[in-house]
């Protein structure tokens, strides 16, 4: 398989491969579309099964960032970085410094921020090598980890979906399953618990599960069964592909919306959800809070009021998608893709 025949290659403007044996860096930066500005999206630091899996992730995630940024009305294009986690011991500072030099070589076509496995501390190391980085704790326009803003946007989006699907104006008495308790997933739990929801959670990190049990009275289930719980809302907040041919028929929730990117393992899953009467909040719409926060930082003058107005607008965008889907009988995922593609044209 060549790059150009890859099923997830979508006329990407650039795909860059970097290797630095000294630090252990092996990374891919994919820039999908720069119509509205430089490609911007987080860097993922992950243990991939093979190089092909890393490439697939970079291609799919960068395209999703183009759609996300376009639909959020940001002056940014779509890009994504993935770093293949080295086997065995490695010097993290050296690796992320090397990655910063790699970003610098892309010459402004890509701006990075945090994603799975990457922290604000890592961003600070990258910053020593390049200015094309956001999500920083220090600096004139720094705003820190964007995860809390992502969580807040997802909460707003789920509010909209619950009113639409369940005819309920709050979360009181609703059961919500959260798959993945990273920074965003745990932040979402805080919002939902405060709003009166009953939480069911799953993660591979036992300490964070115990914390959720103690703070929220959350029920803990296995990662393999979280999607199948008898709940009103399912929030995938781990890695992508949570809604697949293996899981879709077991989902009992009436609403799906969460932080994970590429939640639909294959495009036809959107139609399967429609057939089951499930209202799906397209992932790159509902989880756009973080990149909105980053966009304000990238502008050079961080404006929290602008950020909040854009995050609140997620509710309006979802409402438009729900309306169009209801009128046409299409899957909400297909409606969102069509709207995003039209903006990019």
C-alpha atoms as a PDB file:
ATOM      1  CA  UNK A   1       0.000   0.000   0.000  1.00  0.00           C
ATOM      2  CA  UNK A   2       1.340   3.432  -0.952  1.00  0.00           C
ATOM      3  CA  UNK A   3       0.449   6.637   0.835  1.00  0.00           C
ATOM      4  CA  UNK A   4      -1.660   7.943  -2.036  1.00  0.00           C
ATOM      5  CA  UNK A   5      -3.747   4.757  -2.203  1.00  0.00           C
ATOM      6  CA  UNK A   6      -4.222   4.604   1.561  1.00  0.00           C
ATOM      7  CA  UNK A   7      -7.973   4.462   2.313  1.00  0.00           C
ATOM      8  CA  UNK A   8      -7.651   7.384   4.742  1.00  0.00           C
ATOM      9  CA  UNK A   9      -5.592   9.622   2.461  1.00  0.00           C
ATOM     10  CA  UNK A  10      -7.926  12.493   1.572  1.00  0.00           C
ATOM     11  CA  UNK A  11      -5.823  14.798  -0.609  1.00  0.00           C
ATOM     12  CA  UNK A  12      -3.736  15.733   2.406  1.00  0.00           C
ATOM     13  CA  UNK A  13      -1.527  18.715   1.655  1.00  0.00           C
ATOM     14  CA  UNK A  14       1.456  17.184   3.406  1.00  0.00           C
ATOM     15  CA  UNK A  15       2.489  14.091   5.351  1.00  0.00           C
ATOM     16  CA  UNK A  16       5.849  14.297   7.107  1.00  0.00           C
ATOM     17  CA  UNK A  17       7.842  11.420   8.594  1.00  0.00           C
ATOM     18  CA  UNK A  18      10.528  12.093  11.208  1.00  0.00           C
ATOM     19  CA  UNK A  19      13.091   9.788  12.769  1.00  0.00           C
ATOM     20  CA  UNK A  20      15.816  10.526  15.293  1.00  0.00           C
ATOM     21  CA  UNK A  21      17.572   7.361  16.515  1.00  0.00           C
ATOM     22  CA  UNK A  22      19.462   9.296  19.203  1.00  0.00           C
ATOM     23  CA  UNK A  23      16.305  10.354  21.075  1.00  0.00           C
ATOM     24  CA  UNK A  24      14.138   7.474  19.893  1.00  0.00           C
ATOM     25  CA  UNK A  25      11.751   9.786  18.054  1.00  0.00           C
ATOM     26  CA  UNK A  26       9.562   8.294  15.352  1.00  0.00           C
ATOM     27  CA  UNK A  27       6.783  10.666  14.429  1.00  0.00           C
ATOM     28  CA  UNK A  28       4.271  11.504  11.717  1.00  0.00           C
ATOM     29  CA  UNK A  29       2.807  14.954  11.123  1.00  0.00           C
ATOM     30  CA  UNK A  30      -0.155  15.062   8.757  1.00  0.00           C
ATOM     31  CA  UNK A  31      -1.462  18.366   7.406  1.00  0.00           C
ATOM     32  CA  UNK A  32      -4.854  17.866   5.797  1.00  0.00           C
ATOM     33  CA  UNK A  33      -6.113  21.300   4.773  1.00  0.00           C
ATOM     34  CA  UNK A  34      -4.893  24.877   5.319  1.00  0.00           C
ATOM     35  CA  UNK A  35      -7.690  26.833   3.620  1.00  0.00           C
ATOM     36  CA  UNK A  36      -8.541  28.741   6.801  1.00  0.00           C
ATOM     37  CA  UNK A  37      -5.071  28.830   8.341  1.00  0.00           C
ATOM     38  CA  UNK A  38      -2.150  26.631   9.408  1.00  0.00           C
ATOM     39  CA  UNK A  39      -2.962  23.043  10.254  1.00  0.00           C
ATOM     40  CA  UNK A  40      -3.570  22.840  13.989  1.00  0.00           C
ATOM     41  CA  UNK A  41      -4.274  19.862  16.194  1.00  0.00           C
ATOM     42  CA  UNK A  42      -2.786  18.022  19.127  1.00  0.00           C
ATOM     43  CA  UNK A  43       0.043  15.527  19.148  1.00  0.00           C
ATOM     44  CA  UNK A  44      -0.750  11.985  20.276  1.00  0.00           C
ATOM     45  CA  UNK A  45       1.907   9.942  22.113  1.00  0.00           C
ATOM     46  CA  UNK A  46       0.891   6.325  21.928  1.00  0.00           C
ATOM     47  CA  UNK A  47       2.016   2.710  21.672  1.00  0.00           C
ATOM     48  CA  UNK A  48       0.916   1.683  18.193  1.00  0.00           C
ATOM     49  CA  UNK A  49       0.685  -1.906  17.033  1.00  0.00           C
ATOM     50  CA  UNK A  50       2.732  -1.022  13.945  1.00  0.00           C
ATOM     51  CA  UNK A  51       3.761   1.886  11.736  1.00  0.00           C
ATOM     52  CA  UNK A  52       0.708   1.472   9.521  1.00  0.00           C
ATOM     53  CA  UNK A  53      -1.593   2.021  12.511  1.00  0.00           C
ATOM     54  CA  UNK A  54       0.220   5.243  13.370  1.00  0.00           C
ATOM     55  CA  UNK A  55      -0.130   6.501   9.791  1.00  0.00           C
ATOM     56  CA  UNK A  56      -3.836   5.669   9.740  1.00  0.00           C
ATOM     57  CA  UNK A  57      -4.322   7.557  12.992  1.00  0.00           C
ATOM     58  CA  UNK A  58      -2.457  10.623  11.710  1.00  0.00           C
ATOM     59  CA  UNK A  59      -4.422  10.714   8.444  1.00  0.00           C
ATOM     60  CA  UNK A  60      -7.830  10.249  10.056  1.00  0.00           C
ATOM     61  CA  UNK A  61      -7.197  12.623  12.938  1.00  0.00           C
ATOM     62  CA  UNK A  62      -5.833  15.401  10.730  1.00  0.00           C
ATOM     63  CA  UNK A  63      -8.889  15.231   8.459  1.00  0.00           C
ATOM     64  CA  UNK A  64     -11.138  15.370  11.500  1.00  0.00           C
ATOM     65  CA  UNK A  65      -9.268  18.472  12.659  1.00  0.00           C
ATOM     66  CA  UNK A  66      -9.989  20.181   9.333  1.00  0.00           C
ATOM     67  CA  UNK A  67     -13.676  19.441   9.829  1.00  0.00           C
ATOM     68  CA  UNK A  68     -13.590  20.427  13.511  1.00  0.00           C
ATOM     69  CA  UNK A  69     -11.860  23.751  12.954  1.00  0.00           C
ATOM     70  CA  UNK A  70     -14.033  24.633   9.958  1.00  0.00           C
ATOM     71  CA  UNK A  71     -17.270  23.856  11.801  1.00  0.00           C
ATOM     72  CA  UNK A  72     -16.124  25.827  14.853  1.00  0.00           C
ATOM     73  CA  UNK A  73     -15.428  28.831  12.634  1.00  0.00           C
ATOM     74  CA  UNK A  74     -11.730  29.042  13.505  1.00  0.00           C
ATOM     75  CA  UNK A  75      -8.911  30.599  11.476  1.00  0.00           C
ATOM     76  CA  UNK A  76      -7.092  27.280  11.519  1.00  0.00           C
ATOM     77  CA  UNK A  77      -6.691  24.340   9.196  1.00  0.00           C
ATOM     78  CA  UNK A  78      -6.465  20.677  10.063  1.00  0.00           C
ATOM     79  CA  UNK A  79      -3.319  18.899  11.189  1.00  0.00           C
ATOM     80  CA  UNK A  80      -2.262  16.228  13.642  1.00  0.00           C
ATOM     81  CA  UNK A  81       0.919  14.747  14.989  1.00  0.00           C
ATOM     82  CA  UNK A  82       1.505  11.240  16.306  1.00  0.00           C
ATOM     83  CA  UNK A  83       4.600  10.008  18.105  1.00  0.00           C
ATOM     84  CA  UNK A  84       5.204   6.279  18.343  1.00  0.00           C
ATOM     85  CA  UNK A  85       6.117   5.610  21.969  1.00  0.00           C
ATOM     86  CA  UNK A  86       9.568   3.982  22.119  1.00  0.00           C
ATOM     87  CA  UNK A  87       9.894   0.520  23.562  1.00  0.00           C
ATOM     88  CA  UNK A  88      11.806   0.336  26.819  1.00  0.00           C
ATOM     89  CA  UNK A  89      13.517   3.242  28.559  1.00  0.00           C
ATOM     90  CA  UNK A  90      13.826   6.638  26.883  1.00  0.00           C
ATOM     91  CA  UNK A  91      14.621  10.238  27.754  1.00  0.00           C
ATOM     92  CA  UNK A  92      11.281  12.048  27.511  1.00  0.00           C
ATOM     93  CA  UNK A  93      12.804  15.532  27.436  1.00  0.00           C
ATOM     94  CA  UNK A  94      15.193  14.568  24.645  1.00  0.00           C
ATOM     95  CA  UNK A  95      12.408  12.946  22.630  1.00  0.00           C
ATOM     96  CA  UNK A  96      10.042  15.916  22.845  1.00  0.00           C
ATOM     97  CA  UNK A  97      12.866  18.352  22.105  1.00  0.00           C
ATOM     98  CA  UNK A  98      13.577  16.353  18.958  1.00  0.00           C
ATOM     99  CA  UNK A  99       9.898  16.485  18.094  1.00  0.00           C
ATOM    100  CA  UNK A 100       9.953  20.256  18.518  1.00  0.00           C
ATOM    101  CA  UNK A 101      12.748  20.453  15.956  1.00  0.00           C
ATOM    102  CA  UNK A 102      10.655  18.310  13.632  1.00  0.00           C
ATOM    103  CA  UNK A 103       7.717  20.724  13.929  1.00  0.00           C
ATOM    104  CA  UNK A 104      10.062  23.620  13.168  1.00  0.00           C
ATOM    105  CA  UNK A 105      11.051  21.919   9.911  1.00  0.00           C
ATOM    106  CA  UNK A 106       7.416  21.951   8.778  1.00  0.00           C
ATOM    107  CA  UNK A 107       7.843  25.737   8.740  1.00  0.00           C
ATOM    108  CA  UNK A 108       4.559  26.908  10.185  1.00  0.00           C
ATOM    109  CA  UNK A 109       2.253  24.592   8.289  1.00  0.00           C
ATOM    110  CA  UNK A 110       1.483  22.786  11.565  1.00  0.00           C
ATOM    111  CA  UNK A 111       0.867  24.053  15.116  1.00  0.00           C
ATOM    112  CA  UNK A 112       0.688  21.489  17.895  1.00  0.00           C
ATOM    113  CA  UNK A 113      -0.996  21.227  21.293  1.00  0.00           C
ATOM    114  CA  UNK A 114      -1.800  18.420  23.749  1.00  0.00           C
ATOM    115  CA  UNK A 115      -3.540  15.184  22.879  1.00  0.00           C
ATOM    116  CA  UNK A 116      -3.583  11.705  24.409  1.00  0.00           C
ATOM    117  CA  UNK A 117      -0.366  10.950  26.273  1.00  0.00           C
ATOM    118  CA  UNK A 118       0.996  14.498  26.090  1.00  0.00           C
ATOM    119  CA  UNK A 119       1.072  17.112  28.874  1.00  0.00           C
ATOM    120  CA  UNK A 120       1.641  20.875  29.204  1.00  0.00           C
ATOM    121  CA  UNK A 121       5.146  20.018  30.466  1.00  0.00           C
ATOM    122  CA  UNK A 122       5.836  18.293  27.152  1.00  0.00           C
ATOM    123  CA  UNK A 123       4.587  21.397  25.342  1.00  0.00           C
ATOM    124  CA  UNK A 124       7.105  23.479  27.273  1.00  0.00           C
ATOM    125  CA  UNK A 125       9.913  21.220  26.052  1.00  0.00           C
ATOM    126  CA  UNK A 126       8.652  21.507  22.463  1.00  0.00           C
ATOM    127  CA  UNK A 127       8.549  25.285  22.915  1.00  0.00           C
ATOM    128  CA  UNK A 128      12.324  25.348  23.429  1.00  0.00           C
ATOM    129  CA  UNK A 129      12.716  24.280  19.794  1.00  0.00           C
ATOM    130  CA  UNK A 130       9.820  25.953  17.976  1.00  0.00           C
ATOM    131  CA  UNK A 131       7.189  28.665  18.349  1.00  0.00           C
ATOM    132  CA  UNK A 132       4.548  26.553  16.600  1.00  0.00           C
ATOM    133  CA  UNK A 133       3.068  25.235  19.833  1.00  0.00           C
ATOM    134  CA  UNK A 134       0.094  26.069  22.074  1.00  0.00           C
ATOM    135  CA  UNK A 135      -1.468  24.751  25.264  1.00  0.00           C
ATOM    136  CA  UNK A 136       1.304  26.317  27.326  1.00  0.00           C
ATOM    137  CA  UNK A 137       1.285  27.186  31.019  1.00  0.00           C
ATOM    138  CA  UNK A 138       3.529  30.236  30.622  1.00  0.00           C
ATOM    139  CA  UNK A 139       3.682  33.074  28.132  1.00  0.00           C
ATOM    140  CA  UNK A 140       1.823  36.209  27.101  1.00  0.00           C
ATOM    141  CA  UNK A 141      -1.212  34.361  25.675  1.00  0.00           C
ATOM    142  CA  UNK A 142      -0.764  31.064  27.534  1.00  0.00           C
ATOM    143  CA  UNK A 143      -3.907  29.329  28.757  1.00  0.00           C
ATOM    144  CA  UNK A 144      -2.576  25.975  29.928  1.00  0.00           C
ATOM    145  CA  UNK A 145      -4.125  22.569  29.427  1.00  0.00           C
ATOM    146  CA  UNK A 146      -7.195  22.934  27.155  1.00  0.00           C
ATOM    147  CA  UNK A 147      -8.821  19.777  28.567  1.00  0.00           C
ATOM    148  CA  UNK A 148     -11.184  21.610  30.958  1.00  0.00           C
ATOM    149  CA  UNK A 149     -12.582  23.632  28.056  1.00  0.00           C
ATOM    150  CA  UNK A 150     -13.095  20.459  26.034  1.00  0.00           C
ATOM    151  CA  UNK A 151     -14.989  18.902  28.944  1.00  0.00           C
ATOM    152  CA  UNK A 152     -17.164  21.988  29.317  1.00  0.00           C
ATOM    153  CA  UNK A 153     -18.044  21.959  25.616  1.00  0.00           C
ATOM    154  CA  UNK A 154     -19.028  18.299  25.754  1.00  0.00           C
ATOM    155  CA  UNK A 155     -21.244  19.002  28.737  1.00  0.00           C
ATOM    156  CA  UNK A 156     -22.961  21.827  26.840  1.00  0.00           C
ATOM    157  CA  UNK A 157     -23.439  19.556  23.839  1.00  0.00           C
ATOM    158  CA  UNK A 158     -24.907  16.761  25.915  1.00  0.00           C
ATOM    159  CA  UNK A 159     -27.315  19.237  27.483  1.00  0.00           C
ATOM    160  CA  UNK A 160     -28.596  20.025  23.986  1.00  0.00           C
ATOM    161  CA  UNK A 161     -28.876  16.356  23.034  1.00  0.00           C
ATOM    162  CA  UNK A 162     -30.673  15.402  26.250  1.00  0.00           C
ATOM    163  CA  UNK A 163     -33.282  18.105  25.732  1.00  0.00           C
ATOM    164  CA  UNK A 164     -33.745  16.956  22.150  1.00  0.00           C
ATOM    165  CA  UNK A 165     -33.811  13.211  22.668  1.00  0.00           C
ATOM    166  CA  UNK A 166     -35.020  12.705  26.231  1.00  0.00           C
ATOM    167  CA  UNK A 167     -37.168  15.841  26.563  1.00  0.00           C
ATOM    168  CA  UNK A 168     -35.434  16.646  29.837  1.00  0.00           C
ATOM    169  CA  UNK A 169     -33.910  20.008  30.720  1.00  0.00           C
ATOM    170  CA  UNK A 170     -31.309  18.692  33.160  1.00  0.00           C
ATOM    171  CA  UNK A 171     -29.404  15.548  34.095  1.00  0.00           C
ATOM    172  CA  UNK A 172     -31.255  14.798  37.324  1.00  0.00           C
ATOM    173  CA  UNK A 173     -31.833  11.061  37.590  1.00  0.00           C
ATOM    174  CA  UNK A 174     -30.081  10.278  34.302  1.00  0.00           C
ATOM    175  CA  UNK A 175     -27.459   7.556  34.123  1.00  0.00           C
ATOM    176  CA  UNK A 176     -24.350   8.409  32.113  1.00  0.00           C
ATOM    177  CA  UNK A 177     -21.564   5.979  31.138  1.00  0.00           C
ATOM    178  CA  UNK A 178     -18.136   7.576  30.665  1.00  0.00           C
ATOM    179  CA  UNK A 179     -15.523   5.513  28.853  1.00  0.00           C
ATOM    180  CA  UNK A 180     -12.091   6.846  29.777  1.00  0.00           C
ATOM    181  CA  UNK A 181     -11.225   9.089  32.726  1.00  0.00           C
ATOM    182  CA  UNK A 182      -8.353  11.126  31.380  1.00  0.00           C
ATOM    183  CA  UNK A 183      -8.261  14.887  31.855  1.00  0.00           C
ATOM    184  CA  UNK A 184     -11.332  15.439  29.687  1.00  0.00           C
ATOM    185  CA  UNK A 185     -13.307  12.398  30.821  1.00  0.00           C
ATOM    186  CA  UNK A 186     -12.787  13.188  34.490  1.00  0.00           C
ATOM    187  CA  UNK A 187     -13.654  16.832  33.929  1.00  0.00           C
ATOM    188  CA  UNK A 188     -16.867  15.759  32.219  1.00  0.00           C
ATOM    189  CA  UNK A 189     -17.672  13.599  35.251  1.00  0.00           C
ATOM    190  CA  UNK A 190     -17.375  16.677  37.461  1.00  0.00           C
ATOM    191  CA  UNK A 191     -19.884  18.604  35.344  1.00  0.00           C
ATOM    192  CA  UNK A 192     -22.326  15.713  35.109  1.00  0.00           C
ATOM    193  CA  UNK A 193     -22.170  14.878  38.813  1.00  0.00           C
ATOM    194  CA  UNK A 194     -22.786  18.511  39.734  1.00  0.00           C
ATOM    195  CA  UNK A 195     -25.803  18.444  37.398  1.00  0.00           C
ATOM    196  CA  UNK A 196     -27.336  15.450  39.176  1.00  0.00           C
ATOM    197  CA  UNK A 197     -26.346  12.566  36.905  1.00  0.00           C
ATOM    198  CA  UNK A 198     -25.605   9.058  38.127  1.00  0.00           C
ATOM    199  CA  UNK A 199     -22.235   7.965  36.741  1.00  0.00           C
ATOM    200  CA  UNK A 200     -20.953   4.640  35.444  1.00  0.00           C
ATOM    201  CA  UNK A 201     -17.255   4.716  34.571  1.00  0.00           C
ATOM    202  CA  UNK A 202     -14.488   2.613  33.058  1.00  0.00           C
ATOM    203  CA  UNK A 203     -10.749   3.096  32.646  1.00  0.00           C
ATOM    204  CA  UNK A 204      -7.559   1.036  32.757  1.00  0.00           C
ATOM    205  CA  UNK A 205      -6.196   3.266  35.550  1.00  0.00           C
ATOM    206  CA  UNK A 206      -7.409   1.808  38.838  1.00  0.00           C
ATOM    207  CA  UNK A 207      -6.439   4.820  40.942  1.00  0.00           C
ATOM    208  CA  UNK A 208      -8.564   7.212  38.909  1.00  0.00           C
ATOM    209  CA  UNK A 209     -11.475   4.770  39.137  1.00  0.00           C
ATOM    210  CA  UNK A 210     -11.198   4.728  42.916  1.00  0.00           C
ATOM    211  CA  UNK A 211     -11.110   8.525  42.900  1.00  0.00           C
ATOM    212  CA  UNK A 212     -14.299   8.659  40.797  1.00  0.00           C
ATOM    213  CA  UNK A 213     -15.975   6.163  43.105  1.00  0.00           C
ATOM    214  CA  UNK A 214     -15.068   8.243  46.163  1.00  0.00           C
ATOM    215  CA  UNK A 215     -15.863  11.695  44.718  1.00  0.00           C
ATOM    216  CA  UNK A 216     -18.918  10.933  42.592  1.00  0.00           C
ATOM    217  CA  UNK A 217     -20.268   7.651  43.950  1.00  0.00           C
ATOM    218  CA  UNK A 218     -19.614   6.294  40.454  1.00  0.00           C
ATOM    219  CA  UNK A 219     -20.225   2.647  39.590  1.00  0.00           C
ATOM    220  CA  UNK A 220     -17.152   1.021  38.085  1.00  0.00           C
ATOM    221  CA  UNK A 221     -17.381  -1.485  35.231  1.00  0.00           C
ATOM    222  CA  UNK A 222     -14.862  -3.000  32.851  1.00  0.00           C
ATOM    223  CA  UNK A 223     -13.696  -1.172  29.711  1.00  0.00           C
ATOM    224  CA  UNK A 224     -15.055  -4.109  27.697  1.00  0.00           C
ATOM    225  CA  UNK A 225     -18.622  -3.600  28.936  1.00  0.00           C
ATOM    226  CA  UNK A 226     -18.941   0.157  29.478  1.00  0.00           C
ATOM    227  CA  UNK A 227     -20.670   0.685  26.104  1.00  0.00           C
ATOM    228  CA  UNK A 228     -23.349  -1.886  26.937  1.00  0.00           C
ATOM    229  CA  UNK A 229     -24.514  -0.426  30.252  1.00  0.00           C
ATOM    230  CA  UNK A 230     -28.180   0.327  30.886  1.00  0.00           C
ATOM    231  CA  UNK A 231     -27.771   4.112  30.750  1.00  0.00           C
ATOM    232  CA  UNK A 232     -29.357   7.154  29.133  1.00  0.00           C
ATOM    233  CA  UNK A 233     -26.123   8.667  27.785  1.00  0.00           C
ATOM    234  CA  UNK A 234     -22.875   7.067  26.615  1.00  0.00           C
ATOM    235  CA  UNK A 235     -19.795   9.317  26.527  1.00  0.00           C
ATOM    236  CA  UNK A 236     -16.778   7.762  24.742  1.00  0.00           C
ATOM    237  CA  UNK A 237     -13.768   9.648  26.105  1.00  0.00           C
ATOM    238  CA  UNK A 238     -10.943   7.200  25.403  1.00  0.00           C
ATOM    239  CA  UNK A 239      -9.515   6.303  21.978  1.00  0.00           C
ATOM    240  CA  UNK A 240     -11.489   6.090  18.746  1.00  0.00           C
ATOM    241  CA  UNK A 241     -13.583   3.275  17.329  1.00  0.00           C
ATOM    242  CA  UNK A 242     -15.845   2.817  20.359  1.00  0.00           C
ATOM    243  CA  UNK A 243     -18.870   2.444  18.084  1.00  0.00           C
ATOM    244  CA  UNK A 244     -18.171  -0.537  15.873  1.00  0.00           C
ATOM    245  CA  UNK A 245     -19.842  -3.573  14.379  1.00  0.00           C
ATOM    246  CA  UNK A 246     -18.873  -5.409  17.575  1.00  0.00           C
ATOM    247  CA  UNK A 247     -20.445  -2.897  19.965  1.00  0.00           C
ATOM    248  CA  UNK A 248     -23.232  -0.987  18.222  1.00  0.00           C
ATOM    249  CA  UNK A 249     -26.009  -3.523  18.809  1.00  0.00           C
ATOM    250  CA  UNK A 250     -25.149  -3.709  22.519  1.00  0.00           C
ATOM    251  CA  UNK A 251     -25.473   0.035  23.130  1.00  0.00           C
ATOM    252  CA  UNK A 252     -28.570   0.867  25.197  1.00  0.00           C
ATOM    253  CA  UNK A 253     -28.040   4.624  25.584  1.00  0.00           C
ATOM    254  CA  UNK A 254     -30.384   7.026  23.801  1.00  0.00           C
ATOM    255  CA  UNK A 255     -27.659   9.682  23.393  1.00  0.00           C
ATOM    256  CA  UNK A 256     -23.976   9.351  22.482  1.00  0.00           C
ATOM    257  CA  UNK A 257     -21.447  12.167  22.771  1.00  0.00           C
ATOM    258  CA  UNK A 258     -17.935  12.338  24.140  1.00  0.00           C
ATOM    259  CA  UNK A 259     -14.321  13.437  23.864  1.00  0.00           C
ATOM    260  CA  UNK A 260     -12.871  10.627  21.753  1.00  0.00           C
ATOM    261  CA  UNK A 261     -11.953  11.376  18.162  1.00  0.00           C
ATOM    262  CA  UNK A 262     -13.178   9.121  15.353  1.00  0.00           C
ATOM    263  CA  UNK A 263     -15.750   7.396  17.556  1.00  0.00           C
ATOM    264  CA  UNK A 264     -17.355   5.647  14.578  1.00  0.00           C
ATOM    265  CA  UNK A 265     -15.100   2.761  13.584  1.00  0.00           C
ATOM    266  CA  UNK A 266     -16.585   2.892  10.072  1.00  0.00           C
ATOM    267  CA  UNK A 267     -18.816   5.536   8.435  1.00  0.00           C
ATOM    268  CA  UNK A 268     -21.819   3.198   8.236  1.00  0.00           C
ATOM    269  CA  UNK A 269     -22.037   3.158  12.031  1.00  0.00           C
ATOM    270  CA  UNK A 270     -23.854   6.477  11.818  1.00  0.00           C
ATOM    271  CA  UNK A 271     -26.705   4.826   9.935  1.00  0.00           C
ATOM    272  CA  UNK A 272     -26.719   1.941  12.395  1.00  0.00           C
ATOM    273  CA  UNK A 273     -27.240   4.413  15.226  1.00  0.00           C
ATOM    274  CA  UNK A 274     -30.140   6.029  13.358  1.00  0.00           C
ATOM    275  CA  UNK A 275     -31.732   2.591  12.923  1.00  0.00           C
ATOM    276  CA  UNK A 276     -31.487   2.044  16.683  1.00  0.00           C
ATOM    277  CA  UNK A 277     -33.022   5.441  17.449  1.00  0.00           C
ATOM    278  CA  UNK A 278     -29.843   6.756  19.083  1.00  0.00           C
ATOM    279  CA  UNK A 279     -28.979  10.460  18.802  1.00  0.00           C
ATOM    280  CA  UNK A 280     -25.269  10.773  18.034  1.00  0.00           C
ATOM    281  CA  UNK A 281     -23.370  14.010  18.640  1.00  0.00           C
ATOM    282  CA  UNK A 282     -20.633  14.040  15.951  1.00  0.00           C
ATOM    283  CA  UNK A 283     -17.334  13.859  17.789  1.00  0.00           C
ATOM    284  CA  UNK A 284     -15.519  16.729  16.120  1.00  0.00           C
ATOM    285  CA  UNK A 285     -18.457  19.026  16.833  1.00  0.00           C
ATOM    286  CA  UNK A 286     -18.997  18.277  20.510  1.00  0.00           C
ATOM    287  CA  UNK A 287     -15.310  17.983  21.477  1.00  0.00           C
ATOM    288  CA  UNK A 288     -14.162  21.240  19.831  1.00  0.00           C
ATOM    289  CA  UNK A 289     -13.733  23.163  23.090  1.00  0.00           C
ATOM    290  CA  UNK A 290     -10.026  22.413  23.399  1.00  0.00           C
ATOM    291  CA  UNK A 291      -9.097  23.589  19.910  1.00  0.00           C
ATOM    292  CA  UNK A 292     -11.241  26.709  20.394  1.00  0.00           C
ATOM    293  CA  UNK A 293      -9.176  27.467  23.487  1.00  0.00           C
ATOM    294  CA  UNK A 294      -5.971  26.810  21.550  1.00  0.00           C
ATOM    295  CA  UNK A 295      -7.138  29.080  18.700  1.00  0.00           C
ATOM    296  CA  UNK A 296      -7.432  32.006  21.085  1.00  0.00           C
ATOM    297  CA  UNK A 297      -3.938  31.317  22.365  1.00  0.00           C
ATOM    298  CA  UNK A 298      -2.545  31.057  18.825  1.00  0.00           C
ATOM    299  CA  UNK A 299      -4.051  34.472  17.998  1.00  0.00           C
ATOM    300  CA  UNK A 300      -1.543  36.022  20.381  1.00  0.00           C
ATOM    301  CA  UNK A 301      -4.082  37.489  22.810  1.00  0.00           C
ATOM    302  CA  UNK A 302      -6.007  34.998  24.889  1.00  0.00           C
ATOM    303  CA  UNK A 303      -9.638  36.085  25.296  1.00  0.00           C
ATOM    304  CA  UNK A 304     -11.676  33.916  27.710  1.00  0.00           C
ATOM    305  CA  UNK A 305     -14.945  35.621  26.744  1.00  0.00           C
ATOM    306  CA  UNK A 306     -14.393  34.824  23.063  1.00  0.00           C
ATOM    307  CA  UNK A 307     -13.564  31.232  24.008  1.00  0.00           C
ATOM    308  CA  UNK A 308     -16.733  30.847  26.052  1.00  0.00           C
ATOM    309  CA  UNK A 309     -18.915  32.291  23.286  1.00  0.00           C
ATOM    310  CA  UNK A 310     -17.429  29.853  20.775  1.00  0.00           C
ATOM    311  CA  UNK A 311     -17.811  26.905  23.139  1.00  0.00           C
ATOM    312  CA  UNK A 312     -21.439  27.798  23.800  1.00  0.00           C
ATOM    313  CA  UNK A 313     -21.973  27.942  20.032  1.00  0.00           C
ATOM    314  CA  UNK A 314     -21.396  24.157  19.979  1.00  0.00           C
ATOM    315  CA  UNK A 315     -25.007  23.899  21.162  1.00  0.00           C
ATOM    316  CA  UNK A 316     -26.264  25.865  18.150  1.00  0.00           C
ATOM    317  CA  UNK A 317     -24.205  23.838  15.710  1.00  0.00           C
ATOM    318  CA  UNK A 318     -25.515  20.573  17.132  1.00  0.00           C
ATOM    319  CA  UNK A 319     -29.079  21.857  16.958  1.00  0.00           C
ATOM    320  CA  UNK A 320     -28.630  22.675  13.265  1.00  0.00           C
ATOM    321  CA  UNK A 321     -27.182  19.214  12.607  1.00  0.00           C
ATOM    322  CA  UNK A 322     -30.013  17.516  14.525  1.00  0.00           C
ATOM    323  CA  UNK A 323     -32.594  19.539  12.589  1.00  0.00           C
ATOM    324  CA  UNK A 324     -31.097  18.663   9.200  1.00  0.00           C
ATOM    325  CA  UNK A 325     -30.754  15.004  10.128  1.00  0.00           C
ATOM    326  CA  UNK A 326     -34.375  14.845  11.291  1.00  0.00           C
ATOM    327  CA  UNK A 327     -35.596  16.526   8.107  1.00  0.00           C
ATOM    328  CA  UNK A 328     -33.647  14.261   5.739  1.00  0.00           C
ATOM    329  CA  UNK A 329     -33.454  10.995   7.658  1.00  0.00           C
ATOM    330  CA  UNK A 330     -29.655  11.065   7.395  1.00  0.00           C
ATOM    331  CA  UNK A 331     -27.220  10.165  10.120  1.00  0.00           C
ATOM    332  CA  UNK A 332     -26.001  13.152  12.122  1.00  0.00           C
ATOM    333  CA  UNK A 333     -22.428  12.121  11.262  1.00  0.00           C
ATOM    334  CA  UNK A 334     -23.182  12.315   7.529  1.00  0.00           C
ATOM    335  CA  UNK A 335     -24.881  15.694   7.916  1.00  0.00           C
ATOM    336  CA  UNK A 336     -21.902  17.107   9.823  1.00  0.00           C
ATOM    337  CA  UNK A 337     -19.433  15.745   7.259  1.00  0.00           C
ATOM    338  CA  UNK A 338     -21.391  17.312   4.410  1.00  0.00           C
ATOM    339  CA  UNK A 339     -21.537  20.675   6.167  1.00  0.00           C
ATOM    340  CA  UNK A 340     -17.809  20.606   6.928  1.00  0.00           C
ATOM    341  CA  UNK A 341     -16.868  19.527   3.406  1.00  0.00           C
ATOM    342  CA  UNK A 342     -18.920  22.367   1.973  1.00  0.00           C
ATOM    343  CA  UNK A 343     -17.070  24.885   4.148  1.00  0.00           C
ATOM    344  CA  UNK A 344     -13.721  23.479   3.020  1.00  0.00           C
ATOM    345  CA  UNK A 345     -14.732  23.758  -0.641  1.00  0.00           C
END
